[in-house]
PDB file of N, CA and C in Angstrom:
ATOM      1  N   MET A   1      18.704 -46.707  -8.451  1.00  0.00           N
ATOM      2  CA  MET A   1      19.175 -45.217  -9.555  1.00  0.00           C
ATOM      3  C   MET A   1      18.095 -44.701  -9.407  1.00  0.00           C
ATOM      4  N   THR A   2      16.884 -44.936  -9.533  1.00  0.00           N
ATOM      5  CA  THR A   2      15.604 -44.066  -9.786  1.00  0.00           C
ATOM      6  C   THR A   2      15.706 -42.976  -8.831  1.00  0.00           C
ATOM      7  N   ARG A   3      16.046 -43.203  -7.756  1.00  0.00           N
ATOM      8  CA  ARG A   3      16.111 -42.163  -6.429  1.00  0.00           C
ATOM      9  C   ARG A   3      16.853 -40.858  -6.800  1.00  0.00           C
ATOM     10  N   GLY A   4      17.982 -41.352  -7.213  1.00  0.00           N
ATOM     11  CA  GLY A   4      19.496 -40.302  -8.054  1.00  0.00           C
ATOM     12  C   GLY A   4      18.440 -39.319  -9.172  1.00  0.00           C
ATOM     13  N   ASP A   5      17.955 -39.560  -9.839  1.00  0.00           N
ATOM     14  CA  ASP A   5      16.893 -39.399 -11.069  1.00  0.00           C
ATOM     15  C   ASP A   5      16.143 -38.533 -10.596  1.00  0.00           C
ATOM     16  N   GLN A   6      15.283 -38.939  -9.626  1.00  0.00           N
ATOM     17  CA  GLN A   6      14.053 -38.480  -9.220  1.00  0.00           C
ATOM     18  C   GLN A   6      14.597 -37.173  -8.070  1.00  0.00           C
ATOM     19  N   ARG A   7      15.447 -37.239  -7.671  1.00  0.00           N
ATOM     20  CA  ARG A   7      16.196 -35.782  -6.493  1.00  0.00           C
ATOM     21  C   ARG A   7      16.412 -35.077  -7.901  1.00  0.00           C
ATOM     22  N   ASP A   8      16.810 -35.425  -8.877  1.00  0.00           N
ATOM     23  CA  ASP A   8      17.614 -34.223 -10.021  1.00  0.00           C
ATOM     24  C   ASP A   8      16.706 -33.838 -10.472  1.00  0.00           C
ATOM     25  N   ARG A   9      14.835 -34.508 -10.399  1.00  0.00           N
ATOM     26  CA  ARG A   9      14.087 -33.587 -11.152  1.00  0.00           C
ATOM     27  C   ARG A   9      13.542 -32.654 -10.758  1.00  0.00           C
ATOM     28  N   ASP A  10      13.355 -33.505  -9.082  1.00  0.00           N
ATOM     29  CA  ASP A  10      12.310 -32.629  -7.805  1.00  0.00           C
ATOM     30  C   ASP A  10      13.414 -31.153  -7.922  1.00  0.00           C
ATOM     31  N   ARG A  11      14.708 -31.204  -7.751  1.00  0.00           N
ATOM     32  CA  ARG A  11      15.508 -30.162  -7.656  1.00  0.00           C
ATOM     33  C   ARG A  11      15.265 -29.129  -8.396  1.00  0.00           C
ATOM     34  N   ALA A  12      15.363 -29.635 -10.421  1.00  0.00           N
ATOM     35  CA  ALA A  12      14.995 -28.431 -11.149  1.00  0.00           C
ATOM     36  C   ALA A  12      13.508 -27.856 -10.854  1.00  0.00           C
ATOM     37  N   ARG A  13      12.724 -28.697 -10.559  1.00  0.00           N
ATOM     38  CA  ARG A  13      11.644 -28.863 -10.410  1.00  0.00           C
ATOM     39  C   ARG A  13      11.598 -27.066  -9.173  1.00  0.00           C
ATOM     40  N   ALA A  14      12.305 -27.568  -8.051  1.00  0.00           N
ATOM     41  CA  ALA A  14      12.097 -26.320  -7.411  1.00  0.00           C
ATOM     42  C   ALA A  14      12.736 -25.116  -7.584  1.00  0.00           C
ATOM     43  N   GLN A  15      13.606 -25.389  -8.308  1.00  0.00           N
ATOM     44  CA  GLN A  15      14.472 -24.154  -8.983  1.00  0.00           C
ATOM     45  C   GLN A  15      13.736 -23.107  -9.828  1.00  0.00           C
ATOM     46  N   ALA A  16      12.720 -24.260 -10.377  1.00  0.00           N
ATOM     47  CA  ALA A  16      12.276 -23.326 -11.326  1.00  0.00           C
ATOM     48  C   ALA A  16      10.502 -22.750 -11.006  1.00  0.00           C
ATOM     49  N   ARG A  17      10.415 -23.248  -9.864  1.00  0.00           N
ATOM     50  CA  ARG A  17       9.571 -22.968  -9.140  1.00  0.00           C
ATOM     51  C   ARG A  17      10.197 -21.266  -8.184  1.00  0.00           C
ATOM     52  N   ALA A  18      11.443 -21.312  -7.767  1.00  0.00           N
ATOM     53  CA  ALA A  18      11.672 -20.459  -7.041  1.00  0.00           C
ATOM     54  C   ALA A  18      11.748 -19.116  -8.014  1.00  0.00           C
ATOM     55  N   LYS A  19      12.450 -19.709  -9.635  1.00  0.00           N
ATOM     56  CA  LYS A  19      12.518 -18.503 -10.141  1.00  0.00           C
ATOM     57  C   LYS A  19      11.548 -18.018 -10.450  1.00  0.00           C
ATOM     58  N   ALA A  20      10.368 -18.567 -11.106  1.00  0.00           N
ATOM     59  CA  ALA A  20       8.904 -18.123 -11.147  1.00  0.00           C
ATOM     60  C   ALA A  20       8.195 -17.230  -9.941  1.00  0.00           C
ATOM     61  N   SER A  21       8.598 -17.226  -8.761  1.00  0.00           N
ATOM     62  CA  SER A  21       8.145 -16.577  -8.150  1.00  0.00           C
ATOM     63  C   SER A  21       8.246 -15.682  -7.510  1.00  0.00           C
ATOM     64  N   THR A  22       9.303 -15.275  -7.723  1.00  0.00           N
ATOM     65  CA  THR A  22       9.963 -14.058  -7.900  1.00  0.00           C
ATOM     66  C   THR A  22       9.526 -12.521  -8.436  1.00  0.00           C
ATOM     67  N   LYS A  23       9.237 -13.550  -9.738  1.00  0.00           N
ATOM     68  CA  LYS A  23       8.814 -12.521 -10.712  1.00  0.00           C
ATOM     69  C   LYS A  23       7.700 -11.406 -10.496  1.00  0.00           C
ATOM     70  N   GLY A  24       6.767 -11.970  -9.665  1.00  0.00           N
ATOM     71  CA  GLY A  24       5.432 -11.583  -9.497  1.00  0.00           C
ATOM     72  C   GLY A  24       5.186 -11.140  -8.062  1.00  0.00           C
ATOM     73  N   GLY A  25       6.402 -11.034  -7.078  1.00  0.00           N
ATOM     74  CA  GLY A  25       6.524 -10.943  -5.834  1.00  0.00           C
ATOM     75  C   GLY A  25       5.663  -9.313  -5.680  1.00  0.00           C
ATOM     76  N   ALA A  26       4.919  -9.270  -5.712  1.00  0.00           N
ATOM     77  CA  ALA A  26       4.480  -7.395  -5.467  1.00  0.00           C
ATOM     78  C   ALA A  26       4.020  -7.400  -3.836  1.00  0.00           C
ATOM     79  N   SER A  27       4.214  -6.443  -3.246  1.00  0.00           N
ATOM     80  CA  SER A  27       4.291  -6.714  -2.161  1.00  0.00           C
ATOM     81  C   SER A  27       2.833  -5.506  -1.856  1.00  0.00           C
ATOM     82  N   GLN A  28       1.720  -5.701  -1.324  1.00  0.00           N
ATOM     83  CA  GLN A  28       0.723  -5.186  -0.485  1.00  0.00           C
ATOM     84  C   GLN A  28       1.118  -3.853   0.053  1.00  0.00           C
ATOM     85  N   ILE A  29       2.314  -3.628   0.925  1.00  0.00           N
ATOM     86  CA  ILE A  29       2.904  -2.871   1.492  1.00  0.00           C
ATOM     87  C   ILE A  29       2.921  -1.469   0.786  1.00  0.00           C
ATOM     88  N   GLU A  30       4.124  -1.925  -0.129  1.00  0.00           N
ATOM     89  CA  GLU A  30       4.268  -0.556  -1.439  1.00  0.00           C
ATOM     90  C   GLU A  30       3.225  -0.585  -1.987  1.00  0.00           C
ATOM     91  N   ALA A  31       2.007  -1.055  -2.267  1.00  0.00           N
ATOM     92  CA  ALA A  31       0.502  -0.585  -3.206  1.00  0.00           C
ATOM     93  C   ALA A  31       0.249   0.257  -2.159  1.00  0.00           C
ATOM     94  N   ASN A  32       0.023   0.025  -1.109  1.00  0.00           N
ATOM     95  CA  ASN A  32      -0.418   0.854  -0.244  1.00  0.00           C
ATOM     96  C   ASN A  32       0.167   2.211  -0.045  1.00  0.00           C
ATOM     97  N   ASN A  33       1.446   2.031   0.076  1.00  0.00           N
ATOM     98  CA  ASN A  33       2.033   3.680  -0.069  1.00  0.00           C
ATOM     99  C   ASN A  33       2.028   4.389  -0.832  1.00  0.00           C
ATOM    100  N   LYS A  34       1.929   3.842  -2.135  1.00  0.00           N
ATOM    101  CA  LYS A  34       1.856   4.666  -3.035  1.00  0.00           C
ATOM    102  C   LYS A  34       0.317   5.153  -3.439  1.00  0.00           C
ATOM    103  N   ALA A  35      -0.704   4.598  -2.714  1.00  0.00           N
ATOM    104  CA  ALA A  35      -2.216   5.064  -2.396  1.00  0.00           C
ATOM    105  C   ALA A  35      -2.270   5.994  -1.757  1.00  0.00           C
ATOM    106  N   MET A  36      -1.245   6.321  -0.697  1.00  0.00           N
ATOM    107  CA  MET A  36      -1.475   7.473  -0.003  1.00  0.00           C
ATOM    108  C   MET A  36      -1.328   8.813  -0.787  1.00  0.00           C
ATOM    109  N   THR A  37      -2.265   9.423  -1.274  1.00  0.00           N
ATOM    110  CA  THR A  37      -2.102  10.554  -2.297  1.00  0.00           C
ATOM    111  C   THR A  37      -2.981  11.858  -1.635  1.00  0.00           C
ATOM    112  N   VAL A  38      -3.397  11.601  -0.591  1.00  0.00           N
ATOM    113  CA  VAL A  38      -4.363  12.861   0.015  1.00  0.00           C
ATOM    114  C   VAL A  38      -3.347  13.048   1.443  1.00  0.00           C
ATOM    115  N   LEU A  39      -2.989  14.807   1.273  1.00  0.00           N
ATOM    116  CA  LEU A  39      -2.330  15.119   2.184  1.00  0.00           C
ATOM    117  C   LEU A  39      -2.695  16.262   2.792  1.00  0.00           C
ATOM    118  N   CYS A  40      -2.417  16.527   4.112  1.00  0.00           N
ATOM    119  CA  CYS A  40      -3.442  17.504   4.901  1.00  0.00           C
ATOM    120  C   CYS A  40      -2.244  18.708   4.398  1.00  0.00           C
ATOM    121  N   SER A  41      -3.036  19.499   4.576  1.00  0.00           N
ATOM    122  CA  SER A  41      -1.939  20.503   4.415  1.00  0.00           C
ATOM    123  C   SER A  41      -1.010  21.542   5.329  1.00  0.00           C
ATOM    124  N   GLN A  42      -1.463  21.114   6.655  1.00  0.00           N
ATOM    125  CA  GLN A  42      -1.284  21.322   7.738  1.00  0.00           C
ATOM    126  C   GLN A  42      -0.429  20.546   8.472  1.00  0.00           C
ATOM    127  N   CYS A  43      -0.320  19.523   8.635  1.00  0.00           N
ATOM    128  CA  CYS A  43       0.537  18.425   9.628  1.00  0.00           C
ATOM    129  C   CYS A  43       1.018  16.962   7.973  1.00  0.00           C
ATOM    130  N   ARG A  44       0.828  17.436   6.873  1.00  0.00           N
ATOM    131  CA  ARG A  44       1.412  16.280   5.952  1.00  0.00           C
ATOM    132  C   ARG A  44       1.300  14.954   6.287  1.00  0.00           C
ATOM    133  N   GLN A  45      -0.014  14.717   7.151  1.00  0.00           N
ATOM    134  CA  GLN A  45      -0.448  13.226   7.364  1.00  0.00           C
ATOM    135  C   GLN A  45      -0.766  12.834   5.957  1.00  0.00           C
ATOM    136  N   PRO A  46      -0.516  11.737   5.755  1.00  0.00           N
ATOM    137  CA  PRO A  46      -0.909  11.085   4.088  1.00  0.00           C
ATOM    138  C   PRO A  46      -2.267  10.131   4.573  1.00  0.00           C
ATOM    139  N   PHE A  47      -3.430  10.232   3.525  1.00  0.00           N
ATOM    140  CA  PHE A  47      -4.101   9.065   3.684  1.00  0.00           C
ATOM    141  C   PHE A  47      -4.441   8.316   2.436  1.00  0.00           C
ATOM    142  N   MET A  48      -4.939   7.662   2.273  1.00  0.00           N
ATOM    143  CA  MET A  48      -5.250   6.815   1.110  1.00  0.00           C
ATOM    144  C   MET A  48      -6.371   7.802   0.263  1.00  0.00           C
ATOM    145  N   CYS A  49      -6.132   7.514  -1.120  1.00  0.00           N
ATOM    146  CA  CYS A  49      -7.227   7.902  -1.821  1.00  0.00           C
ATOM    147  C   CYS A  49      -8.203   7.632  -2.143  1.00  0.00           C
ATOM    148  N   THR A  50      -8.620   6.575  -1.461  1.00  0.00           N
ATOM    149  CA  THR A  50     -10.203   6.161  -1.450  1.00  0.00           C
ATOM    150  C   THR A  50     -11.077   6.925   0.170  1.00  0.00           C
ATOM    151  N   VAL A  51     -10.219   7.540   0.893  1.00  0.00           N
ATOM    152  CA  VAL A  51     -10.554   8.284   2.208  1.00  0.00           C
ATOM    153  C   VAL A  51     -12.069   9.101   1.902  1.00  0.00           C
ATOM    154  N   ASN A  52     -13.015   8.790   2.577  1.00  0.00           N
ATOM    155  CA  ASN A  52     -13.845   9.731   2.512  1.00  0.00           C
ATOM    156  C   ASN A  52     -14.213  10.745   3.109  1.00  0.00           C
ATOM    157  N   ASN A  53     -14.946  11.950   3.130  1.00  0.00           N
ATOM    158  CA  ASN A  53     -14.951  13.098   3.946  1.00  0.00           C
ATOM    159  C   ASN A  53     -15.105  13.087   5.464  1.00  0.00           C
ATOM    160  N   LYS A  54     -16.076  12.083   5.706  1.00  0.00           N
ATOM    161  CA  LYS A  54     -16.524  11.699   7.569  1.00  0.00           C
ATOM    162  C   LYS A  54     -15.012  11.881   8.114  1.00  0.00           C
ATOM    163  N   VAL A  55     -13.984  10.885   7.501  1.00  0.00           N
ATOM    164  CA  VAL A  55     -12.607  10.802   8.236  1.00  0.00           C
ATOM    165  C   VAL A  55     -11.613  11.893   7.965  1.00  0.00           C
ATOM    166  N   LEU A  56     -11.908  12.821   6.891  1.00  0.00           N
ATOM    167  CA  LEU A  56     -11.248  14.183   6.729  1.00  0.00           C
ATOM    168  C   LEU A  56     -11.915  14.785   7.867  1.00  0.00           C
ATOM    169  N   GLU A  57     -12.320  14.974   8.061  1.00  0.00           N
ATOM    170  CA  GLU A  57     -13.505  15.748   8.796  1.00  0.00           C
ATOM    171  C   GLU A  57     -12.918  15.540  10.743  1.00  0.00           C
ATOM    172  N   GLN A  58     -13.154  14.075  10.845  1.00  0.00           N
ATOM    173  CA  GLN A  58     -12.672  13.834  12.037  1.00  0.00           C
ATOM    174  C   GLN A  58     -11.038  14.364  12.459  1.00  0.00           C
ATOM    175  N   HIS A  59     -10.242  14.075  11.420  1.00  0.00           N
ATOM    176  CA  HIS A  59      -9.133  15.046  11.598  1.00  0.00           C
ATOM    177  C   HIS A  59      -8.944  15.724  11.962  1.00  0.00           C
ATOM    178  N   VAL A  60      -9.870  16.998  10.916  1.00  0.00           N
ATOM    179  CA  VAL A  60      -9.334  18.104  11.039  1.00  0.00           C
ATOM    180  C   VAL A  60      -9.903  19.086  12.718  1.00  0.00           C
ATOM    181  N   SER A  61     -11.150  17.777  12.944  1.00  0.00           N
ATOM    182  CA  SER A  61     -11.741  18.093  14.321  1.00  0.00           C
ATOM    183  C   SER A  61     -10.858  17.675  15.402  1.00  0.00           C
ATOM    184  N   ALA A  62     -10.245  16.746  15.171  1.00  0.00           N
ATOM    185  CA  ALA A  62      -9.014  16.335  16.093  1.00  0.00           C
ATOM    186  C   ALA A  62      -8.079  17.033  16.178  1.00  0.00           C
ATOM    187  N   LYS A  63      -7.093  17.291  15.393  1.00  0.00           N
ATOM    188  CA  LYS A  63      -6.235  17.727  15.319  1.00  0.00           C
ATOM    189  C   LYS A  63      -6.088  19.154  14.863  1.00  0.00           C
ATOM    190  N   HIS A  64      -6.700  19.769  14.056  1.00  0.00           N
ATOM    191  CA  HIS A  64      -6.850  21.315  13.886  1.00  0.00           C
ATOM    192  C   HIS A  64      -8.122  22.150  13.789  1.00  0.00           C
ATOM    193  N   PRO A  65      -8.421  21.809  15.323  1.00  0.00           N
ATOM    194  CA  PRO A  65      -9.956  22.778  15.326  1.00  0.00           C
ATOM    195  C   PRO A  65      -9.739  24.264  14.762  1.00  0.00           C
ATOM    196  N   LYS A  66      -8.899  24.642  14.913  1.00  0.00           N
ATOM    197  CA  LYS A  66      -9.181  26.303  13.989  1.00  0.00           C
ATOM    198  C   LYS A  66      -9.151  26.285  12.735  1.00  0.00           C
ATOM    199  N   HIS A  67      -8.765  25.467  12.199  1.00  0.00           N
ATOM    200  CA  HIS A  67      -9.074  25.052  10.660  1.00  0.00           C
ATOM    201  C   HIS A  67     -10.128  24.516  10.351  1.00  0.00           C
ATOM    202  N   THR A  68     -10.546  24.988   8.693  1.00  0.00           N
ATOM    203  CA  THR A  68     -11.954  23.592   8.536  1.00  0.00           C
ATOM    204  C   THR A  68     -11.473  22.572   7.245  1.00  0.00           C
ATOM    205  N   VAL A  69     -11.842  21.997   6.661  1.00  0.00           N
ATOM    206  CA  VAL A  69     -11.602  20.693   5.967  1.00  0.00           C
ATOM    207  C   VAL A  69     -11.167  21.061   4.282  1.00  0.00           C
ATOM    208  N   LYS A  70     -12.009  22.503   4.112  1.00  0.00           N
ATOM    209  CA  LYS A  70     -11.328  22.890   3.101  1.00  0.00           C
ATOM    210  C   LYS A  70      -9.796  23.647   2.968  1.00  0.00           C
ATOM    211  N   ASP A  71      -9.689  23.917   4.453  1.00  0.00           N
ATOM    212  CA  ASP A  71      -8.213  24.940   4.763  1.00  0.00           C
ATOM    213  C   ASP A  71      -7.131  23.536   4.706  1.00  0.00           C
ATOM    214  N   CYS A  72      -7.769  22.511   5.376  1.00  0.00           N
ATOM    215  CA  CYS A  72      -6.948  21.040   5.744  1.00  0.00           C
ATOM    216  C   CYS A  72      -6.507  20.140   4.241  1.00  0.00           C
ATOM    217  N   PHE A  73      -7.700  20.166   3.556  1.00  0.00           N
ATOM    218  CA  PHE A  73      -7.503  19.508   2.316  1.00  0.00           C
ATOM    219  C   PHE A  73      -7.961  20.123   0.931  1.00  0.00           C
ATOM    220  N   PRO A  74      -7.634  21.550   0.625  1.00  0.00           N
ATOM    221  CA  PRO A  74      -7.818  21.650  -0.775  1.00  0.00           C
ATOM    222  C   PRO A  74      -8.682  21.559  -2.054  1.00  0.00           C
ATOM    223  N   ASP A  75      -8.005  20.183  -2.212  1.00  0.00           N
ATOM    224  CA  ASP A  75      -8.250  19.314  -3.084  1.00  0.00           C
ATOM    225  C   ASP A  75      -9.496  18.054  -3.252  1.00  0.00           C
ATOM    226  N   LYS A  76      -9.508  18.122  -2.007  1.00  0.00           N
ATOM    227  CA  LYS A  76     -10.395  17.089  -1.488  1.00  0.00           C
ATOM    228  C   LYS A  76     -11.518  17.283  -0.993  1.00  0.00           C
ATOM    229  N   ALA A  77     -11.853  18.471  -0.372  1.00  0.00           N
ATOM    230  CA  ALA A  77     -12.870  18.974  -0.353  1.00  0.00           C
ATOM    231  C   ALA A  77     -13.655  18.993  -0.731  1.00  0.00           C
ATOM    232  N   THR A  78     -15.070  19.120  -0.541  1.00  0.00           N
ATOM    233  CA  THR A  78     -16.069  19.766  -1.409  1.00  0.00           C
ATOM    234  C   THR A  78     -17.209  20.097  -1.171  1.00  0.00           C
TER     235      THR A  78
END
């Protein structure tokens, strides 16, 4: 009869683990989407908030050769 008692305890332990794991399950994809705060004013392409000016310059030269970095990213360009 100990197997039945052990099975019940294991089931209760598994349910407790499942309930605890659903509380803190944060998605990295959601966090990355929230960090996409820099937008190109010409094409609305999002960039992460940690983007450096070199990447922005590459974007402008590839996608918008007639514009400057300051035109496309007025808040980010220095």
